[in-house]
Protein backbone atom coordinates (compact mmCIF):
# COMPACT_ATOMS: atom_id res chain seq x y z
CA UNK A 1 -21.69 12.82 -7.60
CA UNK A 2 -22.24 8.85 -8.20
CA UNK A 3 -19.50 6.58 -7.02
CA UNK A 4 -17.77 4.83 -9.54
CA UNK A 5 -14.20 3.82 -10.42
CA UNK A 6 -13.57 6.61 -12.73
CA UNK A 7 -14.21 9.26 -10.12
CA UNK A 8 -13.09 7.62 -7.35
CA UNK A 9 -9.65 9.49 -7.13
CA UNK A 10 -11.23 12.85 -7.23
CA UNK A 11 -13.70 11.82 -4.51
CA UNK A 12 -10.75 10.40 -2.23
CA UNK A 13 -8.36 13.59 -2.75
CA UNK A 14 -11.66 15.74 -1.88
CA UNK A 15 -12.38 13.77 1.25
CA UNK A 16 -8.73 14.03 2.13
CA UNK A 17 -8.23 17.67 1.84
CA UNK A 18 -11.93 17.89 3.78
CA UNK A 19 -10.30 15.37 6.56
CA UNK A 20 -7.12 17.36 6.77
CA UNK A 21 -8.86 20.82 7.16
CA UNK A 22 -11.14 19.49 9.75
CA UNK A 23 -8.31 18.09 11.71
CA UNK A 24 -6.24 21.30 11.89
CA UNK A 25 -9.44 23.48 12.66
CA UNK A 26 -9.72 21.05 15.50
CA UNK A 27 -6.00 21.02 16.41
CA UNK A 28 -5.87 25.03 16.49
CA UNK A 29 -9.58 25.24 18.14
CA UNK A 30 -8.26 22.32 20.90
CA UNK A 31 -5.00 24.65 21.51
CA UNK A 32 -6.35 27.90 21.67
CA UNK A 33 -8.85 26.54 24.45
CA UNK A 34 -5.95 24.93 26.03
CA UNK A 35 -3.83 28.05 25.87
CA UNK A 36 -6.68 29.81 27.43
CA UNK A 37 -7.07 27.45 30.12
CA UNK A 38 -3.46 27.59 31.02
CA UNK A 39 -3.77 31.57 31.21
CA UNK A 40 -6.69 31.40 33.05
CA UNK A 41 -4.76 28.98 35.43
CA UNK A 42 -1.56 31.10 35.64
CA UNK A 43 -3.60 34.45 36.75
CA UNK A 44 -5.42 32.25 39.46
CA UNK A 45 -2.38 31.36 40.93
CA UNK A 46 -0.86 34.95 40.60
CA UNK A 47 -3.82 36.19 42.51
CA UNK A 48 -3.38 33.46 45.10
CA UNK A 49 0.32 34.36 45.31
CA UNK A 50 -0.97 38.08 45.90
CA UNK A 51 -3.26 37.33 49.12
CA UNK A 52 -0.67 35.45 50.27
CA UNK A 53 1.63 38.26 49.86
CA UNK A 54 -1.11 40.65 51.31
CA UNK A 55 -1.74 38.32 54.40
CA UNK A 56 2.17 37.72 55.46
CA UNK A 57 2.62 41.84 54.38
CA UNK A 58 5.35 42.56 52.07
CA UNK A 59 7.73 43.96 54.49
CA UNK A 60 8.33 40.56 56.09
CA UNK A 61 10.00 39.27 52.90
CA UNK A 62 13.06 40.24 54.96
CA UNK A 63 12.31 37.32 57.52
CA UNK A 64 14.66 34.15 56.19
CA UNK A 65 11.92 31.85 57.23
CA UNK A 66 9.05 33.35 55.18
CA UNK A 67 11.30 33.71 52.10
CA UNK A 68 11.60 30.03 52.31
CA UNK A 69 7.87 30.20 52.60
CA UNK A 70 7.94 32.08 49.60
CA UNK A 71 10.42 29.82 47.82
CA UNK A 72 8.19 26.65 48.57
CA UNK A 73 4.97 28.08 47.23
CA UNK A 74 6.12 29.96 44.30
CA UNK A 75 8.72 26.59 43.17
CA UNK A 76 6.20 24.44 41.76
CA UNK A 77 4.71 27.40 39.01
CA UNK A 78 5.71 26.28 35.56
CA UNK A 79 5.25 30.02 34.60
CA UNK A 80 7.79 33.30 35.62
CA UNK A 81 6.61 35.64 38.09
CA UNK A 82 8.22 38.63 39.63
CA UNK A 83 6.85 40.27 43.03
CA UNK A 84 7.69 44.02 43.63
CA UNK A 85 6.99 46.84 45.63
CA UNK A 86 4.61 49.90 45.15
CA UNK A 87 7.36 51.54 43.28
CA UNK A 88 8.50 48.51 41.14
CA UNK A 89 11.55 47.33 43.27
CA UNK A 90 11.76 43.49 42.75
CA UNK A 91 11.78 41.32 45.77
CA UNK A 92 10.76 37.66 45.08
CA UNK A 93 11.09 36.27 41.39
CA UNK A 94 10.96 32.73 39.90
CA UNK A 95 11.37 31.19 36.24
CA UNK A 96 13.40 34.25 35.28
CA UNK A 97 16.27 33.15 32.41
CA UNK A 98 19.86 34.68 33.32
CA UNK A 99 18.76 35.85 36.68
CA UNK A 100 19.49 33.92 39.88
CA UNK A 101 16.73 33.28 42.44
CA UNK A 102 18.40 34.76 45.44
CA UNK A 103 19.64 38.69 45.53
CA UNK A 104 21.00 40.57 48.71
CA UNK A 105 17.47 42.10 50.21
CA UNK A 106 19.52 45.48 51.49
CA UNK A 107 20.74 45.86 47.79
CA UNK A 108 17.06 45.57 46.18
CA UNK A 109 15.40 47.89 48.93
CA UNK A 110 18.34 50.58 47.71
CA UNK A 111 17.83 50.28 43.90
CA UNK A 112 16.12 53.01 42.27
CA UNK A 113 13.49 51.66 39.87
CA UNK A 114 13.61 54.69 37.27
CA UNK A 115 17.42 54.36 36.98
CA UNK A 116 18.67 50.82 38.25
CA UNK A 117 22.47 49.57 37.90
CA UNK A 118 23.25 47.45 35.39
CA UNK A 119 23.30 43.74 35.81
CA UNK A 120 20.21 41.48 37.11
CA UNK A 121 18.08 44.15 38.78
CA UNK A 122 18.00 45.68 35.63
CA UNK A 123 16.79 42.90 33.55
CA UNK A 124 14.08 42.10 36.22
CA UNK A 125 12.93 45.43 35.95
CA UNK A 126 13.00 45.11 32.09
CA UNK A 127 11.30 41.90 32.32
CA UNK A 128 8.41 43.44 34.77
CA UNK A 129 7.85 45.80 32.11
CA UNK A 130 7.49 43.16 29.61
CA UNK A 131 5.51 41.26 31.30
CA UNK A 132 2.94 44.11 32.16
CA UNK A 133 2.51 44.62 28.25
CA UNK A 134 1.07 40.97 28.06
CA UNK A 135 -0.85 40.65 31.39
CA UNK A 136 -2.18 43.16 33.66
CA UNK A 137 -0.13 43.08 37.25
CA UNK A 138 -1.97 41.75 40.11
CA UNK A 139 -1.91 44.43 43.10
CA UNK A 140 -1.18 43.22 46.70
CA UNK A 141 -3.50 44.71 49.17
CA UNK A 142 -3.75 43.89 53.29
CA UNK A 143 -6.70 42.51 54.31
CA UNK A 144 -9.22 45.08 55.20
CA UNK A 145 -7.53 48.03 53.43
CA UNK A 146 -7.68 49.45 50.01
CA UNK A 147 -3.79 50.55 49.64
CA UNK A 148 -1.56 48.96 47.27
CA UNK A 149 1.91 47.92 48.73
CA UNK A 150 3.04 45.71 45.86
CA UNK A 151 2.04 43.73 42.37
CA UNK A 152 2.63 40.24 41.20
CA UNK A 153 3.80 40.15 37.68
CA UNK A 154 3.47 37.63 35.52
CA UNK A 155 4.54 35.70 32.20
CA UNK A 156 3.31 33.22 30.25
CA UNK A 157 3.85 29.57 30.76
CA UNK A 158 6.20 27.62 29.12
CA UNK A 159 3.26 25.43 27.96
CA UNK A 160 1.82 28.26 26.35
CA UNK A 161 4.51 28.70 24.14
CA UNK A 162 4.74 24.89 23.31
CA UNK A 163 1.08 24.85 22.64
CA UNK A 164 1.27 27.60 20.09
CA UNK A 165 3.65 25.42 17.95
CA UNK A 166 1.19 22.37 17.97
CA UNK A 167 -1.02 23.92 15.14
CA UNK A 168 2.07 24.90 13.00
CA UNK A 169 3.65 21.45 13.76
CA UNK A 170 0.91 19.42 12.72
CA UNK A 171 0.06 21.69 9.63
CA UNK A 172 3.57 20.68 8.28
CA UNK A 173 3.29 17.48 9.13
CA UNK A 174 -0.12 17.14 7.23
CA UNK A 175 1.50 18.84 4.23
CA UNK A 176 4.02 16.45 4.34
CA UNK A 177 1.82 13.36 4.81
CA UNK A 178 -0.40 14.75 1.99
CA UNK A 179 2.93 15.60 -0.39
CA UNK A 180 3.97 12.14 0.56
CA UNK A 181 0.29 10.02 -0.23
CA UNK A 182 0.31 12.37 -3.44
CA UNK A 183 3.68 10.87 -4.50
CA UNK A 184 2.80 7.46 -3.49
CA UNK A 185 -0.74 7.49 -5.14
CA UNK A 186 0.84 8.95 -8.62
CA UNK A 187 3.44 6.39 -8.26
CA UNK A 188 0.82 3.51 -7.95
CA UNK A 189 -1.40 5.35 -10.52
CA UNK A 190 1.70 5.28 -13.10
CA UNK A 191 2.37 1.67 -12.34
CA UNK A 192 -1.14 0.67 -12.70
CA UNK A 193 -1.63 2.78 -15.63
CA UNK A 194 1.60 1.30 -17.09
CA UNK A 195 0.40 -2.50 -16.18
CA UNK A 196 -2.91 -1.55 -18.03
CA UNK A 197 -1.42 -0.64 -21.27
CA UNK A 198 1.18 -3.30 -21.30
CA UNK A 199 -2.12 -5.34 -20.87
CA UNK A 200 -4.49 -3.75 -22.86
CA UNK A 201 -2.10 -4.43 -26.07
CA UNK A 202 -1.43 -8.06 -25.50
CA UNK A 203 -4.96 -8.64 -24.86
CA UNK A 204 -5.70 -6.79 -28.10
CA UNK A 205 -3.16 -9.02 -29.76
CA UNK A 206 -4.50 -12.06 -28.33
CA UNK A 207 -8.39 -11.14 -29.39
CA UNK A 208 -7.13 -10.17 -32.64
CA UNK A 209 -4.84 -13.33 -33.04
CA UNK A 210 -7.47 -16.24 -33.08
CA UNK A 211 -9.80 -14.86 -36.03
CA UNK A 212 -6.63 -13.66 -38.06
CA UNK A 213 -4.69 -17.05 -37.47
CA UNK A 214 -7.77 -18.79 -38.49
CA UNK A 215 -8.33 -16.73 -41.71
CA UNK A 216 -4.79 -17.29 -42.56
CA UNK A 217 -5.48 -21.11 -42.08
CA UNK A 218 -8.12 -21.29 -44.66
CA UNK A 219 -6.20 -19.02 -47.07
CA UNK A 220 -3.50 -21.57 -46.87
CA UNK A 221 -5.76 -24.38 -47.19
CA UNK A 222 -7.94 -22.60 -50.11
CA UNK A 223 -3.96 -22.50 -51.65
CA UNK A 224 -3.05 -26.27 -51.01
CA UNK A 225 -6.54 -27.18 -52.79
CA UNK A 226 -5.76 -24.84 -55.60
CA UNK A 227 -2.22 -26.27 -56.19
CA UNK A 228 -3.08 -29.56 -56.08
CA UNK A 229 -6.32 -28.90 -58.59
CA UNK A 230 -3.85 -26.94 -61.29
CA UNK A 231 -3.46 -28.61 -64.28
CA UNK A 232 -2.18 -26.28 -67.09
CA UNK A 233 -4.94 -23.53 -67.73
CA UNK A 234 -7.52 -25.85 -66.23
CA UNK A 235 -9.80 -23.74 -64.31
CA UNK A 236 -9.56 -24.76 -60.35
CA UNK A 237 -12.46 -26.91 -59.05
CA UNK A 238 -13.60 -26.68 -55.62
CA UNK A 239 -16.27 -28.94 -54.27
CA UNK A 240 -19.31 -26.85 -53.09
CA UNK A 241 -19.36 -28.29 -49.27
CA UNK A 242 -15.94 -27.05 -49.05
CA UNK A 243 -16.44 -23.95 -50.31
CA UNK A 244 -19.40 -23.21 -48.22
CA UNK A 245 -17.66 -24.19 -45.03
CA UNK A 246 -14.55 -21.82 -45.92
CA UNK A 247 -16.92 -18.95 -46.68
CA UNK A 248 -18.94 -19.89 -43.57
CA UNK A 249 -15.84 -19.78 -41.31
CA UNK A 250 -14.26 -16.89 -43.06
CA UNK A 251 -17.17 -14.87 -42.43
CA UNK A 252 -17.52 -15.75 -38.85
CA UNK A 253 -13.74 -14.76 -38.53
CA UNK A 254 -14.38 -11.52 -40.09
CA UNK A 255 -17.23 -10.98 -38.02
CA UNK A 256 -14.83 -11.76 -35.12
CA UNK A 257 -12.52 -9.15 -35.81
CA UNK A 258 -14.92 -6.51 -36.52
CA UNK A 259 -16.35 -7.21 -33.06
CA UNK A 260 -13.14 -7.19 -31.68
CA UNK A 261 -12.43 -3.44 -33.20
CA UNK A 262 -15.93 -2.31 -32.00
CA UNK A 263 -15.14 -3.46 -28.38
CA UNK A 264 -11.93 -2.00 -27.74
CA UNK A 265 -13.33 1.11 -29.79
CA UNK A 266 -16.02 1.61 -26.96
CA UNK A 267 -13.85 0.67 -23.85
CA UNK A 268 -12.46 4.41 -23.79
CA UNK A 269 -15.82 6.46 -24.04
CA UNK A 270 -19.14 6.41 -22.59
CA UNK A 271 -20.78 3.31 -24.91
CA UNK A 272 -24.51 3.33 -25.82
CA UNK A 273 -26.84 1.63 -23.61
CA UNK A 274 -30.23 0.02 -24.85
CA UNK A 275 -32.61 -2.28 -23.36
CA UNK A 276 -31.94 -6.02 -24.31
CA UNK A 277 -32.54 -9.48 -23.46
CA UNK A 278 -29.31 -10.81 -21.54
CA UNK A 279 -30.21 -14.36 -22.48
CA UNK A 280 -29.15 -14.22 -26.23
CA UNK A 281 -26.14 -12.26 -25.21
CA UNK A 282 -24.90 -14.48 -22.56
CA UNK A 283 -25.71 -17.60 -24.95
CA UNK A 284 -23.72 -16.39 -27.79
CA UNK A 285 -20.63 -16.07 -25.26
CA UNK A 286 -21.38 -19.51 -24.55
CA UNK A 287 -21.59 -20.71 -28.01
CA UNK A 288 -18.57 -19.10 -28.82
CA UNK A 289 -16.22 -20.55 -26.36
CA UNK A 290 -18.04 -23.97 -26.59
CA UNK A 291 -16.52 -24.16 -29.95
CA UNK A 292 -13.24 -23.41 -28.93
CA UNK A 293 -13.15 -25.98 -25.96
CA UNK A 294 -11.52 -28.52 -28.22
CA UNK A 295 -8.53 -26.34 -29.38
CA UNK A 296 -8.01 -25.49 -25.73
CA UNK A 297 -7.68 -28.97 -24.95
CA UNK A 298 -10.00 -28.79 -22.25
CA UNK A 299 -12.63 -31.75 -21.67
CA UNK A 300 -15.21 -29.07 -20.40
CA UNK A 301 -19.11 -29.20 -20.25
CA UNK A 302 -20.83 -26.00 -20.17
CA UNK A 303 -24.24 -26.17 -18.75
CA UNK A 304 -26.93 -22.93 -19.04
CA UNK A 305 -30.06 -22.28 -17.48
CA UNK A 306 -31.72 -19.24 -18.22
CA UNK A 307 -34.76 -17.59 -16.25
CA UNK A 308 -37.28 -15.26 -17.67
CA UNK A 309 -35.86 -12.09 -16.63
CA UNK A 310 -36.76 -8.22 -17.63
CA UNK A 311 -34.69 -6.41 -20.26
CA UNK A 312 -32.29 -4.23 -18.72
CA UNK A 313 -30.15 -1.43 -20.39
CA UNK A 314 -26.63 -2.73 -21.63
CA UNK A 315 -24.28 -2.73 -24.60
CA UNK A 316 -24.22 -6.16 -26.37
CA UNK A 317 -20.55 -5.98 -27.70
CA UNK A 318 -19.09 -5.05 -24.34
CA UNK A 319 -21.33 -7.32 -22.06
CA UNK A 320 -20.59 -10.37 -24.34
CA UNK A 321 -17.12 -9.52 -23.76
CA UNK A 322 -17.59 -9.51 -20.20
CA UNK A 323 -18.99 -12.87 -20.31
CA UNK A 324 -16.53 -14.54 -22.37
CA UNK A 325 -13.60 -13.23 -20.14
CA UNK A 326 -15.51 -14.88 -17.20
CA UNK A 327 -16.20 -17.99 -19.06
CA UNK A 328 -12.57 -18.25 -19.97
CA UNK A 329 -11.42 -17.54 -16.53
CA UNK A 330 -13.61 -20.39 -15.68
CA UNK A 331 -12.07 -22.86 -18.23
CA UNK A 332 -8.74 -22.03 -17.64
CA UNK A 333 -9.24 -22.68 -14.08
CA UNK A 334 -10.43 -26.17 -14.57
CA UNK A 335 -7.61 -28.42 -14.40
CA UNK A 336 -8.97 -31.95 -13.86
CA UNK A 337 -9.75 -34.43 -16.47
CA UNK A 338 -13.44 -33.34 -16.94
CA UNK A 339 -14.80 -30.21 -15.48
CA UNK A 340 -18.31 -28.56 -15.69
CA UNK A 341 -19.02 -25.10 -15.74
CA UNK A 342 -22.50 -23.90 -14.79
CA UNK A 343 -24.05 -20.32 -16.36
CA UNK A 344 -26.92 -19.31 -15.02
CA UNK A 345 -29.36 -15.95 -15.71
CA UNK A 346 -32.10 -15.24 -13.11
CA UNK A 347 -33.66 -12.31 -11.23
CA UNK A 348 -32.80 -11.88 -7.57
CA UNK A 349 -36.07 -11.02 -5.50
CA UNK A 350 -34.17 -9.04 -2.92
CA UNK A 351 -32.39 -6.91 -4.87
CA UNK A 352 -34.40 -6.83 -8.13
CA UNK A 353 -31.41 -7.06 -9.78
CA UNK A 354 -30.80 -9.27 -13.15
CA UNK A 355 -27.62 -11.83 -12.57
CA UNK A 356 -25.45 -13.72 -14.41
CA UNK A 357 -23.90 -16.53 -12.18
CA UNK A 358 -20.76 -18.35 -13.55
CA UNK A 359 -19.69 -21.53 -11.44
CA UNK A 360 -16.65 -23.56 -12.02
CA UNK A 361 -15.11 -26.84 -10.37
CA UNK A 362 -11.77 -25.58 -10.76
CA UNK A 363 -8.40 -25.02 -8.66
CA UNK A 364 -10.42 -21.83 -6.93
CA UNK A 365 -8.51 -19.04 -5.11
CA UNK A 366 -7.50 -18.10 -1.70
CA UNK A 367 -9.01 -15.22 0.32
CA UNK A 368 -6.22 -12.95 -0.82
CA UNK A 369 -6.36 -13.70 -4.51
CA UNK A 370 -10.12 -13.18 -4.17
CA UNK A 371 -9.29 -9.58 -3.03
CA UNK A 372 -6.70 -8.79 -6.08
CA UNK A 373 -8.66 -10.85 -8.43
CA UNK A 374 -9.79 -7.41 -10.14
CA UNK A 375 -6.38 -5.62 -10.22
CA UNK A 376 -4.61 -4.96 -13.47
CA UNK A 377 -1.68 -7.13 -14.07
CA UNK A 378 -2.65 -9.87 -11.34
CA UNK A 379 -3.33 -13.63 -12.50
CA UNK A 380 -3.39 -16.92 -10.94
CA UNK A 381 -2.39 -18.43 -14.28
CA UNK A 382 1.30 -19.19 -15.63
CA UNK A 383 0.28 -17.64 -18.78
CA UNK A 384 -1.78 -14.51 -18.73
CA UNK A 385 -1.62 -10.43 -18.56
CA UNK A 386 -4.12 -10.16 -15.59
CA UNK A 387 -6.41 -7.62 -17.61
CA UNK A 388 -9.44 -9.59 -18.54
CA UNK A 389 -11.34 -9.40 -15.22
CA UNK A 390 -9.95 -5.96 -14.89
CA UNK A 391 -11.76 -4.91 -18.23
CA UNK A 392 -14.68 -7.05 -17.00
CA UNK A 393 -14.85 -4.66 -13.94
CA UNK A 394 -14.58 -1.55 -15.56
CA UNK A 395 -17.19 -2.41 -18.14
CA UNK A 396 -19.85 -3.43 -15.60
CA UNK A 397 -19.23 -0.97 -12.86
CA UNK A 398 -18.16 2.01 -15.16
CA UNK A 399 -20.30 1.64 -18.14
CA UNK A 400 -23.41 -0.17 -16.69
CA UNK A 401 -23.63 0.99 -13.22
CA UNK A 402 -23.72 -3.31 -12.30
CA UNK A 403 -21.38 -5.06 -10.22
CA UNK A 404 -18.96 -8.07 -10.52
CA UNK A 405 -17.74 -9.96 -7.67
CA UNK A 406 -16.67 -13.13 -6.54
CA UNK A 407 -19.41 -14.93 -4.56
CA UNK A 408 -17.65 -18.08 -3.53
CA UNK A 409 -14.23 -19.23 -4.18
CA UNK A 410 -12.31 -22.04 -2.07
CA UNK A 411 -9.06 -23.96 -3.20
CA UNK A 412 -9.53 -27.31 -4.87
CA UNK A 413 -13.61 -26.77 -5.12
CA UNK A 414 -13.75 -23.93 -7.60
CA UNK A 415 -15.29 -20.35 -7.89
CA UNK A 416 -18.59 -18.67 -8.65
CA UNK A 417 -18.51 -15.21 -10.15
CA UNK A 418 -21.46 -13.08 -10.41
CA UNK A 419 -22.37 -10.25 -12.74
CA UNK A 420 -25.33 -8.26 -11.54
CA UNK A 421 -27.24 -5.39 -13.41
CA UNK A 422 -30.06 -2.92 -12.09
CA UNK A 423 -33.53 -3.43 -13.86
């Protein structure tokens, strides 16, 4: 899929979903591996305890000093454990909820595992049964003997239980942030679209306003000439040079209106591209603004330099509009008494692209303004809608596969905009 502004949201959503899926998958894999290691460590520690019990003999548990040793060895363990004799009577345990770690040994020895009295001993025996369903008990044998005289029963470490919640928590957190990001993205997108529509409406009014005002002016001037020449039923006489000037200017305004309508009609759909020489297109945009500079109350000189370049696939009306927007931006940026704007057309040898470069000596922009200059609604002018350069970027990059950027800009020293087209 070609990367463009039109399909960028879909690509971002796809990468976001893929990234979230990979994150969750890695989390689950890591959690499973950690769980396996913790359970393996628990079994290894239990086996060590079983060997320890075998060496000291199970009957020695009655010795208080040895019981203290058991307590000190078992105490650091972070998982529940119960040591029983061969018949299933519990004698030593650790980490069992609601059961004290110390009970009378003589009482324990007299317990019938098949029918324990209600209370902590019965709870210990039920816990042993629950442990054995999850983990195979480890037998305790004396060194050099095969007979079994006890077992080590153990449960899951608390860390295993916590690890099981990690993927669930991360999935919930991921979906929360995805939802939050989607809401934020839609809010920004809605605000951006609102700015675009408002700006587009104003830009349409602005584009249509100039030729319409000019046509109304000529009509009014013709009316005044007619009133001054009207004498009874006599025919109105108009000088031929004046008449020819009026007709030519009204034709120009009519063509301008038609061009504006054609431009806006192609913004919402893929335009037709044809191989064309860019020099006449750029020259026509320069000529249009050169005629308008006196009306803008600006003393600006536009210098042109055109190299011999190969034809490129473009839509004439839209590219002329792009150049006009960049030129208008350069003219508006010129604040000094006299300014110069340089328009160049050349082929860059490194990239084999045809470039239009517009350089002004205006007020320039800060780095922050440069980063936002193509954003909808952004403008550095006191009067403006911040849509001209946004439309220019859409036309160049989405419709023509080219690129437009600010090559250089410095406050007080002007800016250089570059429009590049692949050959």
